[in-house]
């Protein structure tokens, strides 16, 4: 187990539901990745880089709802500014995206 945090620490992480509306190759990334545009409803559209090319084709990601951390600071990745962190489960070095079981409103909080 990693370091123990308090519930107050956890409440600082803003996890939201968004829908992927655009997927592009990211040839300048060090490891194979996609550039994603994600619609978070009232929070707007945010960009993210995701190393998920081994498990997902671009067309399979379009209109897929995902979970992301939206309150991290922006991060420069090669020539791309990532604005949120898409979350997933790791199995044998592959990332499998976490998502709601049913479609929900973009921007919905995860608790």
Protein backbone atom coordinates (compact mmCIF):
# COMPACT_ATOMS: atom_id res chain seq x y z
CA UNK A 1 0.00 0.00 0.00
CA UNK A 2 1.13 3.51 -0.76
CA UNK A 3 1.29 6.37 1.73
CA UNK A 4 -1.89 6.81 3.79
CA UNK A 5 -3.81 10.03 3.10
CA UNK A 6 -6.71 11.65 4.91
CA UNK A 7 -10.23 11.98 3.55
CA UNK A 8 -9.56 15.72 3.36
CA UNK A 9 -6.59 14.99 1.06
CA UNK A 10 -8.83 12.88 -1.19
CA UNK A 11 -11.48 15.62 -1.43
CA UNK A 12 -8.86 17.90 -3.04
CA UNK A 13 -8.74 15.63 -6.10
CA UNK A 14 -11.40 16.74 -8.61
CA UNK A 15 -12.41 13.65 -10.61
CA UNK A 16 -14.93 14.31 -13.38
CA UNK A 17 -16.68 12.50 -16.21
CA UNK A 18 -15.92 13.65 -19.74
CA UNK A 19 -16.52 12.46 -23.29
CA UNK A 20 -13.65 12.10 -25.75
CA UNK A 21 -14.57 14.21 -28.80
CA UNK A 22 -11.29 14.08 -30.75
CA UNK A 23 -8.33 11.67 -30.90
CA UNK A 24 -5.04 12.37 -32.70
CA UNK A 25 -1.74 10.57 -33.02
CA UNK A 26 1.07 12.06 -30.93
CA UNK A 27 4.27 11.32 -32.86
CA UNK A 28 6.44 13.63 -30.70
CA UNK A 29 5.67 11.76 -27.48
CA UNK A 30 8.54 9.67 -26.05
CA UNK A 31 6.25 6.65 -25.69
CA UNK A 32 3.34 5.91 -28.06
CA UNK A 33 0.38 8.08 -27.07
CA UNK A 34 -2.73 9.82 -28.32
CA UNK A 35 -3.73 13.45 -27.92
CA UNK A 36 -7.30 13.65 -26.64
CA UNK A 37 -9.86 16.45 -26.58
CA UNK A 38 -12.36 15.79 -23.81
CA UNK A 39 -15.70 17.54 -23.25
CA UNK A 40 -16.36 18.15 -19.54
CA UNK A 41 -19.66 20.00 -20.02
CA UNK A 42 -19.77 23.25 -18.04
CA UNK A 43 -16.02 22.89 -17.27
CA UNK A 44 -15.28 23.13 -21.00
CA UNK A 45 -13.09 21.09 -23.32
CA UNK A 46 -9.68 20.00 -22.03
CA UNK A 47 -6.67 18.36 -23.68
CA UNK A 48 -4.86 15.28 -22.42
CA UNK A 49 -2.11 12.95 -23.57
CA UNK A 50 -2.69 9.25 -22.94
CA UNK A 51 -0.40 6.26 -23.43
CA UNK A 52 -3.21 3.93 -24.43
CA UNK A 53 -2.28 3.02 -28.00
CA UNK A 54 -1.74 -0.68 -27.32
CA UNK A 55 -5.29 -1.26 -26.05
CA UNK A 56 -7.37 1.28 -28.00
CA UNK A 57 -7.75 2.33 -31.63
CA UNK A 58 -8.57 6.01 -32.23
CA UNK A 59 -12.05 5.25 -33.58
CA UNK A 60 -12.87 3.17 -30.46
CA UNK A 61 -12.16 6.15 -28.21
CA UNK A 62 -14.43 8.68 -29.93
CA UNK A 63 -17.56 9.45 -27.88
CA UNK A 64 -16.32 7.25 -25.03
CA UNK A 65 -16.89 8.58 -21.52
CA UNK A 66 -13.86 8.55 -19.22
CA UNK A 67 -12.82 9.67 -15.75
CA UNK A 68 -10.13 12.34 -15.37
CA UNK A 69 -8.49 14.51 -12.74
CA UNK A 70 -9.26 18.08 -13.82
CA UNK A 71 -7.52 20.13 -11.13
CA UNK A 72 -3.86 19.27 -11.76
CA UNK A 73 -1.71 22.07 -13.15
CA UNK A 74 -1.15 21.99 -16.90
CA UNK A 75 1.81 19.87 -17.99
CA UNK A 76 3.97 20.32 -21.09
CA UNK A 77 4.49 16.99 -22.89
CA UNK A 78 6.74 17.50 -25.94
CA UNK A 79 4.92 20.17 -27.99
CA UNK A 80 1.54 19.54 -26.29
CA UNK A 81 0.01 21.10 -23.16
CA UNK A 82 -1.96 18.51 -21.18
CA UNK A 83 -4.75 20.01 -19.06
CA UNK A 84 -6.12 16.95 -17.26
CA UNK A 85 -5.12 13.40 -16.35
CA UNK A 86 -7.22 10.53 -17.69
CA UNK A 87 -7.27 7.67 -15.18
CA UNK A 88 -7.07 3.96 -15.79
CA UNK A 89 -6.10 0.64 -14.31
CA UNK A 90 -2.67 -0.80 -15.12
CA UNK A 91 -2.28 -4.44 -16.04
CA UNK A 92 1.08 -5.73 -17.27
CA UNK A 93 2.17 -2.22 -18.41
CA UNK A 94 -1.07 -1.58 -20.34
CA UNK A 95 -3.57 1.07 -19.26
CA UNK A 96 -7.31 0.31 -19.29
CA UNK A 97 -9.48 3.42 -19.04
CA UNK A 98 -11.89 3.79 -16.13
CA UNK A 99 -15.40 4.83 -17.14
CA UNK A 100 -18.96 5.01 -15.78
CA UNK A 101 -21.19 1.96 -16.30
CA UNK A 102 -23.93 4.12 -17.75
CA UNK A 103 -23.84 7.41 -19.66
CA UNK A 104 -23.87 10.42 -17.34
CA UNK A 105 -23.75 14.17 -17.82
CA UNK A 106 -20.31 15.47 -18.84
CA UNK A 107 -18.67 17.27 -15.94
CA UNK A 108 -20.34 15.07 -13.32
CA UNK A 109 -18.22 14.66 -10.20
CA UNK A 110 -16.85 11.27 -9.21
CA UNK A 111 -17.10 10.60 -5.49
